[in-house]
Amino acid sequence: MNTFSRQYEIAKTNAKEYMKNGQISAYLQSLTEMNKYKKLMIAVVAN
């Protein structure tokens, strides 16, 4: 759980940086990565 949370936060900061730099495709990839880690965290908590 802790590693998922850390990876989620890293993806979140990366997404912010990509948006500031105008790198839209990289921004969208970071958002999908954030979504993946969020789903994994929810699955771990549910079990």
PDB file of N, CA and C in Angstrom:
ATOM      1  N   MET A   1       0.830  -1.195   0.000  1.00  0.00           N
ATOM      2  CA  MET A   1       0.000   0.000   0.000  1.00  0.00           C
ATOM      3  C   MET A   1       0.872   1.255   0.000  1.00  0.00           C
ATOM      4  N   ASN A   2       1.897   1.236   0.804  1.00  0.00           N
ATOM      5  CA  ASN A   2       2.771   2.403   0.923  1.00  0.00           C
ATOM      6  C   ASN A   2       3.478   2.705  -0.395  1.00  0.00           C
ATOM      7  N   THR A   3       3.899   1.647  -1.111  1.00  0.00           N
ATOM      8  CA  THR A   3       4.590   1.887  -2.373  1.00  0.00           C
ATOM      9  C   THR A   3       3.626   2.420  -3.426  1.00  0.00           C
ATOM     10  N   PHE A   4       2.366   1.935  -3.405  1.00  0.00           N
ATOM     11  CA  PHE A   4       1.373   2.451  -4.345  1.00  0.00           C
ATOM     12  C   PHE A   4       1.120   3.931  -4.087  1.00  0.00           C
ATOM     13  N   SER A   5       1.056   4.287  -2.822  1.00  0.00           N
ATOM     14  CA  SER A   5       0.820   5.684  -2.465  1.00  0.00           C
ATOM     15  C   SER A   5       1.975   6.564  -2.927  1.00  0.00           C
ATOM     16  N   ARG A   6       3.191   6.070  -2.735  1.00  0.00           N
ATOM     17  CA  ARG A   6       4.376   6.828  -3.145  1.00  0.00           C
ATOM     18  C   ARG A   6       4.420   6.978  -4.658  1.00  0.00           C
ATOM     19  N   GLN A   7       4.124   5.896  -5.385  1.00  0.00           N
ATOM     20  CA  GLN A   7       4.129   5.954  -6.845  1.00  0.00           C
ATOM     21  C   GLN A   7       3.024   6.867  -7.363  1.00  0.00           C
ATOM     22  N   TYR A   8       1.882   6.878  -6.670  1.00  0.00           N
ATOM     23  CA  TYR A   8       0.785   7.769  -7.042  1.00  0.00           C
ATOM     24  C   TYR A   8       1.216   9.225  -6.906  1.00  0.00           C
ATOM     25  N   GLU A   9       1.875   9.549  -5.806  1.00  0.00           N
ATOM     26  CA  GLU A   9       2.328  10.928  -5.589  1.00  0.00           C
ATOM     27  C   GLU A   9       3.386  11.340  -6.604  1.00  0.00           C
ATOM     28  N   ILE A  10       4.263  10.422  -6.980  1.00  0.00           N
ATOM     29  CA  ILE A  10       5.275  10.718  -8.000  1.00  0.00           C
ATOM     30  C   ILE A  10       4.604  11.005  -9.332  1.00  0.00           C
ATOM     31  N   ALA A  11       3.630  10.188  -9.694  1.00  0.00           N
ATOM     32  CA  ALA A  11       2.901  10.396 -10.951  1.00  0.00           C
ATOM     33  C   ALA A  11       2.150  11.720 -10.920  1.00  0.00           C
ATOM     34  N   LYS A  12       1.653  12.092  -9.748  1.00  0.00           N
ATOM     35  CA  LYS A  12       0.918  13.353  -9.595  1.00  0.00           C
ATOM     36  C   LYS A  12       1.838  14.550  -9.817  1.00  0.00           C
ATOM     37  N   THR A  13       3.015  14.515  -9.229  1.00  0.00           N
ATOM     38  CA  THR A  13       3.950  15.629  -9.422  1.00  0.00           C
ATOM     39  C   THR A  13       4.442  15.687 -10.868  1.00  0.00           C
ATOM     40  N   ASN A  14       4.655  14.510 -11.462  1.00  0.00           N
ATOM     41  CA  ASN A  14       5.061  14.479 -12.870  1.00  0.00           C
ATOM     42  C   ASN A  14       3.976  15.091 -13.750  1.00  0.00           C
ATOM     43  N   ALA A  15       2.720  14.768 -13.462  1.00  0.00           N
ATOM     44  CA  ALA A  15       1.612  15.305 -14.249  1.00  0.00           C
ATOM     45  C   ALA A  15       1.566  16.821 -14.162  1.00  0.00           C
ATOM     46  N   LYS A  16       1.802  17.348 -12.971  1.00  0.00           N
ATOM     47  CA  LYS A  16       1.805  18.811 -12.804  1.00  0.00           C
ATOM     48  C   LYS A  16       2.922  19.449 -13.620  1.00  0.00           C
ATOM     49  N   GLU A  17       4.095  18.836 -13.606  1.00  0.00           N
ATOM     50  CA  GLU A  17       5.224  19.374 -14.365  1.00  0.00           C
ATOM     51  C   GLU A  17       4.963  19.304 -15.868  1.00  0.00           C
ATOM     52  N   TYR A  18       4.394  18.203 -16.324  1.00  0.00           N
ATOM     53  CA  TYR A  18       4.108  18.070 -17.747  1.00  0.00           C
ATOM     54  C   TYR A  18       3.084  19.109 -18.196  1.00  0.00           C
ATOM     55  N   MET A  19       2.096  19.377 -17.341  1.00  0.00           N
ATOM     56  CA  MET A  19       1.072  20.361 -17.697  1.00  0.00           C
ATOM     57  C   MET A  19       1.689  21.764 -17.760  1.00  0.00           C
ATOM     58  N   LYS A  20       2.585  22.073 -16.831  1.00  0.00           N
ATOM     59  CA  LYS A  20       3.255  23.380 -16.851  1.00  0.00           C
ATOM     60  C   LYS A  20       4.085  23.553 -18.120  1.00  0.00           C
ATOM     61  N   ASN A  21       4.703  22.456 -18.576  1.00  0.00           N
ATOM     62  CA  ASN A  21       5.566  22.520 -19.759  1.00  0.00           C
ATOM     63  C   ASN A  21       4.802  22.377 -21.061  1.00  0.00           C
ATOM     64  N   GLY A  22       3.512  22.084 -20.982  1.00  0.00           N
ATOM     65  CA  GLY A  22       2.708  21.962 -22.186  1.00  0.00           C
ATOM     66  C   GLY A  22       2.862  20.631 -22.904  1.00  0.00           C
ATOM     67  N   GLN A  23       3.340  19.632 -22.203  1.00  0.00           N
ATOM     68  CA  GLN A  23       3.516  18.303 -22.797  1.00  0.00           C
ATOM     69  C   GLN A  23       2.238  17.492 -22.553  1.00  0.00           C
ATOM     70  N   ILE A  24       1.279  17.654 -23.444  1.00  0.00           N
ATOM     71  CA  ILE A  24      -0.055  17.104 -23.229  1.00  0.00           C
ATOM     72  C   ILE A  24      -0.062  15.577 -23.241  1.00  0.00           C
ATOM     73  N   SER A  25       0.642  14.937 -24.164  1.00  0.00           N
ATOM     74  CA  SER A  25       0.610  13.472 -24.227  1.00  0.00           C
ATOM     75  C   SER A  25       1.253  12.857 -22.979  1.00  0.00           C
ATOM     76  N   ALA A  26       2.347  13.433 -22.510  1.00  0.00           N
ATOM     77  CA  ALA A  26       2.983  12.937 -21.289  1.00  0.00           C
ATOM     78  C   ALA A  26       2.083  13.190 -20.081  1.00  0.00           C
ATOM     79  N   TYR A  27       1.379  14.304 -20.089  1.00  0.00           N
ATOM     80  CA  TYR A  27       0.434  14.628 -19.016  1.00  0.00           C
ATOM     81  C   TYR A  27      -0.669  13.582 -18.948  1.00  0.00           C
ATOM     82  N   LEU A  28      -1.223  13.218 -20.097  1.00  0.00           N
ATOM     83  CA  LEU A  28      -2.297  12.226 -20.128  1.00  0.00           C
ATOM     84  C   LEU A  28      -1.791  10.849 -19.686  1.00  0.00           C
ATOM     85  N   GLN A  29      -0.573  10.515 -20.044  1.00  0.00           N
ATOM     86  CA  GLN A  29      -0.002   9.246 -19.589  1.00  0.00           C
ATOM     87  C   GLN A  29       0.158   9.232 -18.072  1.00  0.00           C
ATOM     88  N   SER A  30       0.561  10.353 -17.498  1.00  0.00           N
ATOM     89  CA  SER A  30       0.693  10.434 -16.049  1.00  0.00           C
ATOM     90  C   SER A  30      -0.671  10.322 -15.372  1.00  0.00           C
ATOM     91  N   LEU A  31      -1.690  10.893 -15.992  1.00  0.00           N
ATOM     92  CA  LEU A  31      -3.028  10.770 -15.420  1.00  0.00           C
ATOM     93  C   LEU A  31      -3.509   9.323 -15.429  1.00  0.00           C
ATOM     94  N   THR A  32      -3.224   8.596 -16.500  1.00  0.00           N
ATOM     95  CA  THR A  32      -3.630   7.185 -16.541  1.00  0.00           C
ATOM     96  C   THR A  32      -2.832   6.365 -15.537  1.00  0.00           C
ATOM     97  N   GLU A  33      -1.566   6.738 -15.338  1.00  0.00           N
ATOM     98  CA  GLU A  33      -0.744   6.064 -14.335  1.00  0.00           C
ATOM     99  C   GLU A  33      -1.292   6.326 -12.935  1.00  0.00           C
ATOM    100  N   MET A  34      -1.702   7.568 -12.683  1.00  0.00           N
ATOM    101  CA  MET A  34      -2.312   7.896 -11.393  1.00  0.00           C
ATOM    102  C   MET A  34      -3.573   7.080 -11.173  1.00  0.00           C
ATOM    103  N   ASN A  35      -4.383   6.945 -12.216  1.00  0.00           N
ATOM    104  CA  ASN A  35      -5.621   6.180 -12.122  1.00  0.00           C
ATOM    105  C   ASN A  35      -5.333   4.715 -11.800  1.00  0.00           C
ATOM    106  N   LYS A  36      -4.282   4.172 -12.424  1.00  0.00           N
ATOM    107  CA  LYS A  36      -3.904   2.780 -12.188  1.00  0.00           C
ATOM    108  C   LYS A  36      -3.529   2.568 -10.724  1.00  0.00           C
ATOM    109  N   TYR A  37      -2.696   3.453 -10.181  1.00  0.00           N
ATOM    110  CA  TYR A  37      -2.262   3.302  -8.797  1.00  0.00           C
ATOM    111  C   TYR A  37      -3.407   3.535  -7.820  1.00  0.00           C
ATOM    112  N   LYS A  38      -4.310   4.440  -8.161  1.00  0.00           N
ATOM    113  CA  LYS A  38      -5.455   4.681  -7.298  1.00  0.00           C
ATOM    114  C   LYS A  38      -6.344   3.440  -7.236  1.00  0.00           C
ATOM    115  N   LYS A  39      -6.563   2.791  -8.389  1.00  0.00           N
ATOM    116  CA  LYS A  39      -7.358   1.560  -8.408  1.00  0.00           C
ATOM    117  C   LYS A  39      -6.678   0.461  -7.601  1.00  0.00           C
ATOM    118  N   LEU A  40      -5.348   0.345  -7.696  1.00  0.00           N
ATOM    119  CA  LEU A  40      -4.623  -0.653  -6.929  1.00  0.00           C
ATOM    120  C   LEU A  40      -4.735  -0.388  -5.436  1.00  0.00           C
ATOM    121  N   MET A  41      -4.657   0.880  -5.036  1.00  0.00           N
ATOM    122  CA  MET A  41      -4.796   1.207  -3.612  1.00  0.00           C
ATOM    123  C   MET A  41      -6.182   0.845  -3.109  1.00  0.00           C
ATOM    124  N   ILE A  42      -7.197   1.118  -3.908  1.00  0.00           N
ATOM    125  CA  ILE A  42      -8.576   0.781  -3.519  1.00  0.00           C
ATOM    126  C   ILE A  42      -8.734  -0.732  -3.395  1.00  0.00           C
ATOM    127  N   ALA A  43      -8.126  -1.476  -4.320  1.00  0.00           N
ATOM    128  CA  ALA A  43      -8.208  -2.932  -4.269  1.00  0.00           C
ATOM    129  C   ALA A  43      -7.521  -3.497  -3.035  1.00  0.00           C
ATOM    130  N   VAL A  44      -6.395  -2.910  -2.667  1.00  0.00           N
ATOM    131  CA  VAL A  44      -5.678  -3.379  -1.474  1.00  0.00           C
ATOM    132  C   VAL A  44      -6.483  -3.084  -0.219  1.00  0.00           C
ATOM    133  N   VAL A  45      -7.091  -1.937  -0.145  1.00  0.00           N
ATOM    134  CA  VAL A  45      -7.886  -1.579   1.029  1.00  0.00           C
ATOM    135  C   VAL A  45      -9.142  -2.461   1.125  1.00  0.00           C
ATOM    136  N   ALA A  46      -9.721  -2.802  -0.009  1.00  0.00           N
ATOM    137  CA  ALA A  46     -10.940  -3.611  -0.021  1.00  0.00           C
ATOM    138  C   ALA A  46     -10.679  -5.042   0.440  1.00  0.00           C
ATOM    139  N   ASN A  47      -9.462  -5.526   0.238  1.00  0.00           N
ATOM    140  CA  ASN A  47      -9.174  -6.922   0.619  1.00  0.00           C
ATOM    141  C   ASN A  47      -8.657  -7.015   1.993  1.00  0.00           C
TER     142      ASN A  47
END
